[in-house]
Amino acid sequence: MGEQVMQFYDAIKNWRRIKPHLADAEFNRILVEDFNKYTYGRCSTVASDKRSITGRDRLTWRKDGVRLLLFHGSDQNPLAIVEPDAKYPFLYRIRYPDGRLSDMANLTRAKDAACWFALRSLNSGPQETPSEGPQARKKAEAVGSVSQSANRAQQPRRRLLARGRS
């Protein structure tokens, strides 16, 4: 037999045919398997069906006095807090979980930025690289370049002057 070629199936155009099958476990297993074949061939990674992408519809705002708290679902810890600025109460700042404050913005922009921050933190997994991965090689190369620059620092520096000046 010859090599199988995957063909593109326009999901937007055929959404009415696809939608009734989304609840079917076998259909989802086949989709994940095909997607894994595609992604593994492209970037040598396999998709995980255990993790889902969190959308803006999963975030909820709750009011606490003058502050707005952003939560994920029914969590008790806020992902971000939008609060009025101390000096300019008509402008707002985002208080991040680590205690930092953002720049001032109007309420709409502050809420949008808080949602963006929350979704980014919810949808990004841990960024680990293996000890021999490209990041480790870059660090090793950087250590080598630091020792070379230390040798250069011991050499006398040349003075650069503009032409015509002594």
N, C-alpha and C. Protein backbone atom coordinates (compact mmCIF):
# COMPACT_ATOMS: atom_id res chain seq x y z
N MET A 1 0.83 -1.19 0.00
CA MET A 1 0.00 0.00 0.00
C MET A 1 0.87 1.24 0.00
N GLY A 2 0.34 2.31 -0.57
CA GLY A 2 1.07 3.57 -0.62
C GLY A 2 0.88 4.36 0.66
N GLU A 3 1.56 5.46 0.71
CA GLU A 3 1.48 6.34 1.88
C GLU A 3 0.13 7.05 1.91
N GLN A 4 -0.48 7.10 3.11
CA GLN A 4 -1.75 7.79 3.26
C GLN A 4 -1.51 9.29 3.38
N VAL A 5 -2.35 10.05 2.73
CA VAL A 5 -2.24 11.50 2.78
C VAL A 5 -3.46 12.04 3.53
N MET A 6 -3.23 12.87 4.52
CA MET A 6 -4.33 13.48 5.26
C MET A 6 -4.90 14.61 4.42
N GLN A 7 -6.21 14.69 4.37
CA GLN A 7 -6.87 15.74 3.62
C GLN A 7 -7.53 16.71 4.57
N PHE A 8 -7.59 17.96 4.17
CA PHE A 8 -8.21 19.01 4.98
C PHE A 8 -9.72 18.88 4.88
N TYR A 9 -10.38 18.92 6.02
CA TYR A 9 -11.84 18.89 6.08
C TYR A 9 -12.28 20.21 6.69
N ASP A 10 -12.97 21.01 5.92
CA ASP A 10 -13.36 22.35 6.36
C ASP A 10 -14.43 22.26 7.45
N ALA A 11 -14.01 22.44 8.70
CA ALA A 11 -14.93 22.29 9.84
C ALA A 11 -15.95 23.43 9.88
N ILE A 12 -15.59 24.59 9.45
CA ILE A 12 -16.53 25.71 9.47
C ILE A 12 -17.65 25.48 8.45
N LYS A 13 -17.27 25.05 7.29
CA LYS A 13 -18.25 24.81 6.24
C LYS A 13 -19.17 23.64 6.60
N ASN A 14 -18.64 22.62 7.28
CA ASN A 14 -19.40 21.41 7.61
C ASN A 14 -19.80 21.32 9.07
N TRP A 15 -19.89 22.48 9.76
CA TRP A 15 -20.16 22.47 11.19
C TRP A 15 -21.48 21.78 11.54
N ARG A 16 -22.52 21.93 10.71
CA ARG A 16 -23.81 21.29 11.00
C ARG A 16 -23.68 19.77 11.04
N ARG A 17 -22.78 19.21 10.26
CA ARG A 17 -22.56 17.75 10.26
C ARG A 17 -21.71 17.32 11.45
N ILE A 18 -20.81 18.18 11.91
CA ILE A 18 -19.88 17.83 12.99
C ILE A 18 -20.52 17.97 14.36
N LYS A 19 -21.26 19.04 14.58
CA LYS A 19 -21.77 19.40 15.91
C LYS A 19 -22.52 18.26 16.62
N PRO A 20 -23.40 17.49 15.96
CA PRO A 20 -24.11 16.42 16.68
C PRO A 20 -23.19 15.32 17.23
N HIS A 21 -22.00 15.20 16.70
CA HIS A 21 -21.09 14.13 17.10
C HIS A 21 -20.09 14.52 18.19
N LEU A 22 -20.09 15.78 18.60
CA LEU A 22 -19.09 16.24 19.56
C LEU A 22 -19.21 15.57 20.93
N ALA A 23 -20.37 15.13 21.32
CA ALA A 23 -20.55 14.47 22.62
C ALA A 23 -20.13 13.00 22.58
N ASP A 24 -19.90 12.46 21.39
CA ASP A 24 -19.54 11.04 21.23
C ASP A 24 -18.07 10.82 21.61
N ALA A 25 -17.82 9.93 22.58
CA ALA A 25 -16.45 9.67 23.06
C ALA A 25 -15.58 9.06 21.97
N GLU A 26 -16.13 8.17 21.16
CA GLU A 26 -15.36 7.54 20.08
C GLU A 26 -14.94 8.59 19.04
N PHE A 27 -15.85 9.49 18.70
CA PHE A 27 -15.56 10.56 17.76
C PHE A 27 -14.42 11.43 18.29
N ASN A 28 -14.48 11.78 19.58
CA ASN A 28 -13.43 12.60 20.19
C ASN A 28 -12.10 11.87 20.22
N ARG A 29 -12.12 10.57 20.48
CA ARG A 29 -10.89 9.78 20.48
C ARG A 29 -10.24 9.80 19.10
N ILE A 30 -11.06 9.65 18.06
CA ILE A 30 -10.54 9.67 16.68
C ILE A 30 -9.99 11.05 16.34
N LEU A 31 -10.70 12.11 16.75
CA LEU A 31 -10.21 13.47 16.48
C LEU A 31 -8.85 13.71 17.14
N VAL A 32 -8.72 13.31 18.41
CA VAL A 32 -7.46 13.50 19.12
C VAL A 32 -6.36 12.68 18.47
N GLU A 33 -6.68 11.45 18.08
CA GLU A 33 -5.68 10.59 17.43
C GLU A 33 -5.20 11.20 16.12
N ASP A 34 -6.14 11.68 15.30
CA ASP A 34 -5.75 12.31 14.04
C ASP A 34 -4.97 13.60 14.26
N PHE A 35 -5.39 14.37 15.25
CA PHE A 35 -4.67 15.60 15.55
C PHE A 35 -3.26 15.30 16.02
N ASN A 36 -3.10 14.23 16.83
CA ASN A 36 -1.77 13.84 17.29
C ASN A 36 -0.89 13.42 16.13
N LYS A 37 -1.45 12.71 15.16
CA LYS A 37 -0.67 12.33 13.97
C LYS A 37 -0.20 13.58 13.24
N TYR A 38 -1.10 14.53 13.10
CA TYR A 38 -0.77 15.76 12.39
C TYR A 38 0.29 16.57 13.14
N THR A 39 0.08 16.80 14.44
CA THR A 39 1.03 17.63 15.19
C THR A 39 2.36 16.93 15.39
N TYR A 40 2.35 15.61 15.56
CA TYR A 40 3.61 14.92 15.76
C TYR A 40 4.47 15.02 14.50
N GLY A 41 3.82 14.93 13.34
CA GLY A 41 4.56 15.08 12.09
C GLY A 41 5.08 16.48 11.89
N ARG A 42 4.40 17.47 12.43
CA ARG A 42 4.80 18.87 12.25
C ARG A 42 5.83 19.33 13.27
N CYS A 43 5.56 19.04 14.54
CA CYS A 43 6.43 19.62 15.58
C CYS A 43 6.82 18.61 16.66
N SER A 44 6.66 17.33 16.41
CA SER A 44 7.07 16.25 17.33
C SER A 44 6.46 16.38 18.72
N THR A 45 5.23 16.86 18.80
CA THR A 45 4.52 16.92 20.07
C THR A 45 3.16 16.26 19.93
N VAL A 46 2.66 15.76 21.04
CA VAL A 46 1.37 15.09 21.04
C VAL A 46 0.39 15.94 21.86
N ALA A 47 -0.82 16.11 21.35
CA ALA A 47 -1.84 16.87 22.07
C ALA A 47 -2.38 16.05 23.21
N SER A 48 -2.70 16.69 24.28
CA SER A 48 -3.28 16.02 25.44
C SER A 48 -4.76 16.33 25.49
N ASP A 49 -5.58 15.29 25.59
CA ASP A 49 -7.02 15.52 25.67
C ASP A 49 -7.45 15.77 27.10
N LYS A 50 -6.53 15.70 28.06
CA LYS A 50 -6.86 15.92 29.47
C LYS A 50 -6.92 17.41 29.81
N ARG A 51 -6.34 18.23 28.98
CA ARG A 51 -6.28 19.66 29.25
C ARG A 51 -7.15 20.40 28.24
N SER A 52 -7.91 21.32 28.71
CA SER A 52 -8.74 22.10 27.80
C SER A 52 -8.35 23.57 27.89
N ILE A 53 -8.76 24.31 26.89
CA ILE A 53 -8.46 25.73 26.85
C ILE A 53 -9.59 26.47 27.56
N THR A 54 -9.24 27.35 28.45
CA THR A 54 -10.22 28.13 29.19
C THR A 54 -10.56 29.38 28.40
N GLY A 55 -11.85 29.64 28.25
CA GLY A 55 -12.32 30.81 27.53
C GLY A 55 -12.81 31.88 28.48
N ARG A 56 -13.10 33.04 27.91
CA ARG A 56 -13.57 34.17 28.70
C ARG A 56 -14.90 33.88 29.39
N ASP A 57 -15.68 32.95 28.82
CA ASP A 57 -16.98 32.63 29.40
C ASP A 57 -16.86 31.91 30.74
N ARG A 58 -15.68 31.39 31.07
CA ARG A 58 -15.46 30.71 32.34
C ARG A 58 -15.03 31.66 33.47
N LEU A 59 -14.82 32.93 33.13
CA LEU A 59 -14.40 33.92 34.12
C LEU A 59 -15.62 34.67 34.63
N THR A 60 -15.62 34.98 35.92
CA THR A 60 -16.74 35.73 36.50
C THR A 60 -16.20 36.91 37.32
N TRP A 61 -16.93 38.02 37.24
CA TRP A 61 -16.61 39.22 38.02
C TRP A 61 -17.49 39.26 39.24
N ARG A 62 -16.91 39.59 40.39
CA ARG A 62 -17.68 39.79 41.63
C ARG A 62 -17.25 41.13 42.21
N LYS A 63 -18.24 41.87 42.71
CA LYS A 63 -17.95 43.19 43.26
C LYS A 63 -17.70 43.08 44.75
N ASP A 64 -16.66 43.76 45.22
CA ASP A 64 -16.32 43.80 46.64
C ASP A 64 -16.07 45.26 47.00
N GLY A 65 -17.12 45.96 47.42
CA GLY A 65 -16.98 47.39 47.68
C GLY A 65 -16.79 48.12 46.37
N VAL A 66 -15.65 48.83 46.24
CA VAL A 66 -15.35 49.53 44.99
C VAL A 66 -14.47 48.68 44.07
N ARG A 67 -14.03 47.54 44.55
CA ARG A 67 -13.13 46.68 43.77
C ARG A 67 -13.93 45.64 42.99
N LEU A 68 -13.39 45.23 41.84
CA LEU A 68 -13.94 44.14 41.05
C LEU A 68 -12.95 42.99 41.09
N LEU A 69 -13.42 41.81 41.48
CA LEU A 69 -12.56 40.64 41.58
C LEU A 69 -12.88 39.67 40.45
N LEU A 70 -11.85 39.16 39.80
CA LEU A 70 -12.02 38.24 38.68
C LEU A 70 -11.71 36.82 39.14
N PHE A 71 -12.69 35.93 38.98
CA PHE A 71 -12.55 34.54 39.41
C PHE A 71 -12.68 33.60 38.23
N HIS A 72 -12.08 32.42 38.38
CA HIS A 72 -12.25 31.34 37.41
C HIS A 72 -13.27 30.38 37.98
N GLY A 73 -14.45 30.32 37.34
CA GLY A 73 -15.50 29.42 37.80
C GLY A 73 -15.91 29.73 39.23
N SER A 74 -15.87 28.69 40.07
CA SER A 74 -16.28 28.87 41.47
C SER A 74 -15.08 28.94 42.42
N ASP A 75 -13.89 29.22 41.88
CA ASP A 75 -12.70 29.35 42.74
C ASP A 75 -12.91 30.45 43.78
N GLN A 76 -12.24 30.32 44.91
CA GLN A 76 -12.34 31.30 45.98
C GLN A 76 -11.25 32.36 45.91
N ASN A 77 -10.16 32.07 45.20
CA ASN A 77 -9.05 33.02 45.09
C ASN A 77 -9.17 33.80 43.78
N PRO A 78 -9.16 35.13 43.84
CA PRO A 78 -9.27 35.91 42.60
C PRO A 78 -8.00 35.81 41.76
N LEU A 79 -8.18 35.80 40.45
CA LEU A 79 -7.05 35.79 39.53
C LEU A 79 -6.45 37.19 39.38
N ALA A 80 -7.31 38.19 39.46
CA ALA A 80 -6.88 39.59 39.38
C ALA A 80 -7.95 40.46 40.04
N ILE A 81 -7.54 41.63 40.49
CA ILE A 81 -8.46 42.57 41.13
C ILE A 81 -8.33 43.91 40.42
N VAL A 82 -9.46 44.47 40.01
CA VAL A 82 -9.47 45.80 39.40
C VAL A 82 -9.95 46.76 40.48
N GLU A 83 -9.12 47.75 40.79
CA GLU A 83 -9.45 48.69 41.86
C GLU A 83 -9.17 50.12 41.40
N PRO A 84 -9.91 51.08 41.94
CA PRO A 84 -9.67 52.48 41.55
C PRO A 84 -8.32 52.97 42.07
N ASP A 85 -7.73 53.86 41.31
CA ASP A 85 -6.45 54.44 41.71
C ASP A 85 -6.67 55.34 42.93
N ALA A 86 -5.67 55.44 43.81
CA ALA A 86 -5.78 56.23 45.03
C ALA A 86 -5.90 57.73 44.73
N LYS A 87 -5.16 58.22 43.73
CA LYS A 87 -5.15 59.64 43.44
C LYS A 87 -6.24 60.03 42.43
N TYR A 88 -6.47 59.17 41.43
CA TYR A 88 -7.45 59.43 40.39
C TYR A 88 -8.52 58.33 40.43
N PRO A 89 -9.59 58.52 41.22
CA PRO A 89 -10.57 57.45 41.42
C PRO A 89 -11.36 57.07 40.17
N PHE A 90 -11.31 57.87 39.10
CA PHE A 90 -12.01 57.53 37.87
C PHE A 90 -11.14 56.67 36.96
N LEU A 91 -9.89 56.44 37.34
CA LEU A 91 -8.99 55.53 36.63
C LEU A 91 -8.75 54.30 37.50
N TYR A 92 -8.46 53.19 36.87
CA TYR A 92 -8.35 51.91 37.58
C TYR A 92 -7.00 51.26 37.34
N ARG A 93 -6.64 50.40 38.27
CA ARG A 93 -5.41 49.62 38.18
C ARG A 93 -5.75 48.16 38.43
N ILE A 94 -4.92 47.28 37.89
CA ILE A 94 -5.08 45.84 38.13
C ILE A 94 -4.09 45.45 39.21
N ARG A 95 -4.58 44.79 40.23
CA ARG A 95 -3.70 44.23 41.26
C ARG A 95 -3.54 42.76 40.94
N TYR A 96 -2.30 42.37 40.60
CA TYR A 96 -2.00 40.99 40.24
C TYR A 96 -1.85 40.14 41.50
N PRO A 97 -1.90 38.81 41.37
CA PRO A 97 -1.80 37.94 42.55
C PRO A 97 -0.52 38.14 43.36
N ASP A 98 0.57 38.56 42.72
CA ASP A 98 1.82 38.75 43.45
C ASP A 98 1.89 40.13 44.13
N GLY A 99 0.82 40.94 44.01
CA GLY A 99 0.76 42.22 44.69
C GLY A 99 1.13 43.42 43.84
N ARG A 100 1.68 43.19 42.65
CA ARG A 100 2.05 44.31 41.77
C ARG A 100 0.81 45.04 41.28
N LEU A 101 0.97 46.31 40.92
CA LEU A 101 -0.10 47.11 40.35
C LEU A 101 0.22 47.45 38.90
N SER A 102 -0.80 47.47 38.07
CA SER A 102 -0.60 47.83 36.66
C SER A 102 -0.61 49.35 36.50
N ASP A 103 -0.43 49.79 35.28
CA ASP A 103 -0.59 51.21 34.97
C ASP A 103 -2.07 51.56 35.04
N MET A 104 -2.38 52.85 35.07
CA MET A 104 -3.77 53.29 35.14
C MET A 104 -4.44 53.14 33.78
N ALA A 105 -5.74 52.83 33.82
CA ALA A 105 -6.55 52.73 32.61
C ALA A 105 -8.01 52.97 32.99
N ASN A 106 -8.84 53.20 31.96
CA ASN A 106 -10.26 53.33 32.28
C ASN A 106 -10.79 51.94 32.64
N LEU A 107 -12.01 51.88 33.16
CA LEU A 107 -12.55 50.63 33.68
C LEU A 107 -12.63 49.54 32.61
N THR A 108 -13.09 49.89 31.43
CA THR A 108 -13.23 48.89 30.36
C THR A 108 -11.89 48.28 30.00
N ARG A 109 -10.88 49.12 29.81
CA ARG A 109 -9.56 48.60 29.45
C ARG A 109 -8.92 47.81 30.58
N ALA A 110 -9.14 48.25 31.80
CA ALA A 110 -8.58 47.51 32.95
C ALA A 110 -9.22 46.12 33.06
N LYS A 111 -10.53 46.03 32.87
CA LYS A 111 -11.20 44.73 32.94
C LYS A 111 -10.74 43.82 31.80
N ASP A 112 -10.57 44.40 30.61
CA ASP A 112 -10.10 43.61 29.47
C ASP A 112 -8.69 43.09 29.71
N ALA A 113 -7.81 43.94 30.23
CA ALA A 113 -6.44 43.53 30.51
C ALA A 113 -6.39 42.47 31.61
N ALA A 114 -7.26 42.59 32.61
CA ALA A 114 -7.31 41.59 33.68
C ALA A 114 -7.76 40.24 33.12
N CYS A 115 -8.75 40.26 32.23
CA CYS A 115 -9.20 39.01 31.59
C CYS A 115 -8.08 38.40 30.76
N TRP A 116 -7.36 39.23 30.01
CA TRP A 116 -6.26 38.74 29.19
C TRP A 116 -5.19 38.09 30.06
N PHE A 117 -4.84 38.75 31.16
CA PHE A 117 -3.84 38.21 32.07
C PHE A 117 -4.31 36.87 32.65
N ALA A 118 -5.57 36.81 33.09
CA ALA A 118 -6.11 35.60 33.70
C ALA A 118 -6.13 34.44 32.70
N LEU A 119 -6.58 34.71 31.47
CA LEU A 119 -6.64 33.65 30.47
C LEU A 119 -5.24 33.17 30.09
N ARG A 120 -4.31 34.10 30.02
CA ARG A 120 -2.93 33.71 29.72
C ARG A 120 -2.36 32.81 30.81
N SER A 121 -2.62 33.15 32.06
CA SER A 121 -2.09 32.33 33.14
C SER A 121 -2.81 30.99 33.24
N LEU A 122 -4.10 30.95 32.93
CA LEU A 122 -4.85 29.69 32.98
C LEU A 122 -4.50 28.76 31.84
N ASN A 123 -4.22 29.31 30.66
CA ASN A 123 -4.00 28.49 29.47
C ASN A 123 -2.54 28.17 29.19
N SER A 124 -1.63 28.72 29.96
CA SER A 124 -0.22 28.40 29.73
C SER A 124 0.22 27.39 30.77
N GLY A 125 0.78 26.31 30.29
CA GLY A 125 1.28 25.27 31.19
C GLY A 125 2.67 25.60 31.67
N PRO A 126 3.24 24.75 32.49
CA PRO A 126 4.61 24.99 32.93
C PRO A 126 5.57 24.91 31.75
N GLN A 127 6.48 25.84 31.69
CA GLN A 127 7.43 25.91 30.58
C GLN A 127 8.75 25.29 31.01
N GLU A 128 8.82 23.98 30.95
CA GLU A 128 10.04 23.29 31.35
C GLU A 128 10.79 22.83 30.11
N THR A 129 12.10 22.91 30.19
CA THR A 129 12.92 22.41 29.10
C THR A 129 13.85 21.32 29.66
N PRO A 130 14.15 20.31 28.87
CA PRO A 130 15.07 19.29 29.35
C PRO A 130 16.47 19.87 29.55
N SER A 131 17.26 19.19 30.38
CA SER A 131 18.58 19.73 30.73
C SER A 131 19.51 19.84 29.53
N GLU A 132 19.27 19.08 28.49
CA GLU A 132 20.11 19.16 27.30
C GLU A 132 19.39 19.86 26.16
N GLY A 133 18.29 20.53 26.44
CA GLY A 133 17.51 21.21 25.41
C GLY A 133 18.19 22.46 24.91
N PRO A 134 17.54 23.17 23.99
CA PRO A 134 18.16 24.35 23.40
C PRO A 134 18.44 25.46 24.41
N GLN A 135 17.58 25.60 25.43
CA GLN A 135 17.82 26.64 26.43
C GLN A 135 19.08 26.35 27.23
N ALA A 136 19.30 25.07 27.56
CA ALA A 136 20.51 24.70 28.31
C ALA A 136 21.75 24.96 27.47
N ARG A 137 21.66 24.67 26.16
CA ARG A 137 22.80 24.93 25.28
C ARG A 137 23.08 26.42 25.20
N LYS A 138 22.03 27.25 25.12
CA LYS A 138 22.22 28.70 25.06
C LYS A 138 22.90 29.21 26.33
N LYS A 139 22.49 28.67 27.49
CA LYS A 139 23.10 29.08 28.75
C LYS A 139 24.57 28.69 28.78
N ALA A 140 24.88 27.47 28.32
CA ALA A 140 26.27 27.02 28.31
C ALA A 140 27.11 27.90 27.38
N GLU A 141 26.54 28.26 26.22
CA GLU A 141 27.26 29.14 25.30
C GLU A 141 27.45 30.52 25.92
N ALA A 142 26.44 30.99 26.65
CA ALA A 142 26.54 32.31 27.29
C ALA A 142 27.63 32.32 28.35
N VAL A 143 27.76 31.23 29.09
CA VAL A 143 28.81 31.14 30.10
C VAL A 143 30.17 31.20 29.42
N GLY A 144 30.30 30.53 28.26
CA GLY A 144 31.55 30.58 27.52
C GLY A 144 31.84 31.97 27.02
N SER A 145 30.83 32.69 26.55
CA SER A 145 31.06 34.04 26.04
C SER A 145 31.39 35.01 27.17
N VAL A 146 30.89 34.74 28.39
CA VAL A 146 31.21 35.60 29.53
C VAL A 146 32.69 35.47 29.87
N SER A 147 33.21 34.24 29.84
CA SER A 147 34.63 34.08 30.14
C SER A 147 35.49 34.73 29.06
N GLN A 148 35.03 34.71 27.80
CA GLN A 148 35.78 35.38 26.75
C GLN A 148 35.76 36.90 26.95
N SER A 149 34.60 37.42 27.36
CA SER A 149 34.52 38.86 27.57
C SER A 149 35.34 39.28 28.78
N ALA A 150 35.51 38.39 29.76
CA ALA A 150 36.35 38.70 30.91
C ALA A 150 37.81 38.84 30.47
N ASN A 151 38.23 37.99 29.52
CA ASN A 151 39.59 38.11 28.99
C ASN A 151 39.76 39.43 28.26
N ARG A 152 38.73 39.86 27.53
CA ARG A 152 38.80 41.13 26.81
C ARG A 152 38.87 42.30 27.78
N ALA A 153 38.24 42.18 28.94
CA ALA A 153 38.23 43.27 29.91
C ALA A 153 39.62 43.54 30.45
N GLN A 154 40.48 42.51 30.45
CA GLN A 154 41.83 42.69 30.96
C GLN A 154 42.72 43.41 29.96
N GLN A 155 42.34 43.40 28.67
CA GLN A 155 43.13 44.07 27.65
C GLN A 155 42.87 45.58 27.73
N PRO A 156 43.86 46.39 27.40
CA PRO A 156 43.64 47.85 27.44
C PRO A 156 42.61 48.26 26.39
N ARG A 157 41.76 49.20 26.75
CA ARG A 157 40.72 49.67 25.84
C ARG A 157 41.28 50.75 24.92
N ARG A 158 40.77 50.73 23.70
CA ARG A 158 41.14 51.79 22.77
C ARG A 158 40.17 52.93 22.93
N ARG A 159 40.68 54.11 22.82
CA ARG A 159 39.80 55.28 22.91
C ARG A 159 39.34 55.64 21.51
N LEU A 160 38.04 55.81 21.41
CA LEU A 160 37.46 56.21 20.12
C LEU A 160 37.16 57.70 20.18
N LEU A 161 37.82 58.44 19.30
CA LEU A 161 37.60 59.88 19.24
C LEU A 161 37.07 60.24 17.87
N ALA A 162 36.32 61.31 17.83
CA ALA A 162 35.81 61.79 16.55
C ALA A 162 36.98 62.28 15.72
N ARG A 163 36.82 62.21 14.41
CA ARG A 163 37.88 62.64 13.53
C ARG A 163 38.17 64.12 13.75
N GLY A 164 39.41 64.45 13.66
CA GLY A 164 39.83 65.84 13.79
C GLY A 164 40.09 66.26 15.23
N ARG A 165 39.86 65.36 16.17
CA ARG A 165 40.12 65.68 17.56
C ARG A 165 41.28 64.83 18.05
N SER A 166 42.04 65.35 18.94
CA SER A 166 43.18 64.58 19.45
C SER A 166 43.02 64.27 20.90
